[in-house]
Protein backbone atom coordinates (compact mmCIF):
# COMPACT_ATOMS: atom_id res chain seq x y z
CA UNK A 1 105.30 96.89 81.53
CA UNK A 2 108.20 98.18 83.65
CA UNK A 3 105.77 99.38 86.29
CA UNK A 4 104.31 95.89 86.62
CA UNK A 5 107.77 94.33 87.00
CA UNK A 6 108.72 96.84 89.62
CA UNK A 7 105.53 96.03 91.54
CA UNK A 8 106.22 92.29 91.43
CA UNK A 9 109.82 92.85 92.46
CA UNK A 10 108.67 94.95 95.42
CA UNK A 11 106.24 92.26 96.52
CA UNK A 12 108.92 89.58 96.31
CA UNK A 13 111.30 91.68 98.43
CA UNK A 14 108.55 92.41 101.02
CA UNK A 15 107.56 88.74 101.21
CA UNK A 16 111.21 87.74 101.66
CA UNK A 17 111.64 90.30 104.44
CA UNK A 18 108.54 89.13 106.23
CA UNK A 19 109.70 85.51 106.01
CA UNK A 20 113.15 86.32 107.40
CA UNK A 21 111.59 88.40 110.16
CA UNK A 22 109.30 85.55 111.14
CA UNK A 23 112.19 83.07 111.06
CA UNK A 24 114.28 85.26 113.35
CA UNK A 25 111.39 85.74 115.78
CA UNK A 26 110.73 81.99 115.82
CA UNK A 27 114.37 81.36 116.75
CA UNK A 28 114.23 83.82 119.66
CA UNK A 29 116.50 86.40 118.05
CA UNK A 30 114.25 89.31 119.07
CA UNK A 31 115.16 88.90 122.71
CA UNK A 32 118.87 88.79 121.92
CA UNK A 33 118.68 91.94 119.82
CA UNK A 34 116.80 93.70 122.62
CA UNK A 35 119.46 92.72 125.18
CA UNK A 36 122.21 94.06 122.93
CA UNK A 37 120.29 97.31 122.37
CA UNK A 38 119.84 97.80 126.12
CA UNK A 39 123.56 97.19 126.69
CA UNK A 40 124.57 99.69 124.05
CA UNK A 41 122.12 102.28 125.38
CA UNK A 42 123.35 101.85 128.94
CA UNK A 43 126.96 102.20 127.79
CA UNK A 44 126.17 105.39 125.91
CA UNK A 45 124.78 107.11 129.01
CA UNK A 46 127.54 105.80 131.20
CA UNK A 47 125.63 103.39 133.41
CA UNK A 48 126.78 100.09 131.95
């Protein structure tokens, strides 16, 4: 019984994560995250 609940709970969390990921991608957040990552990387090696 507990194993079944754990499986359902895992599926709900995965589905929620996929929905939020799709929502962020639809809003163009992926490009903004990439720009921030590039900025941080360039600052770490001393170029930016």
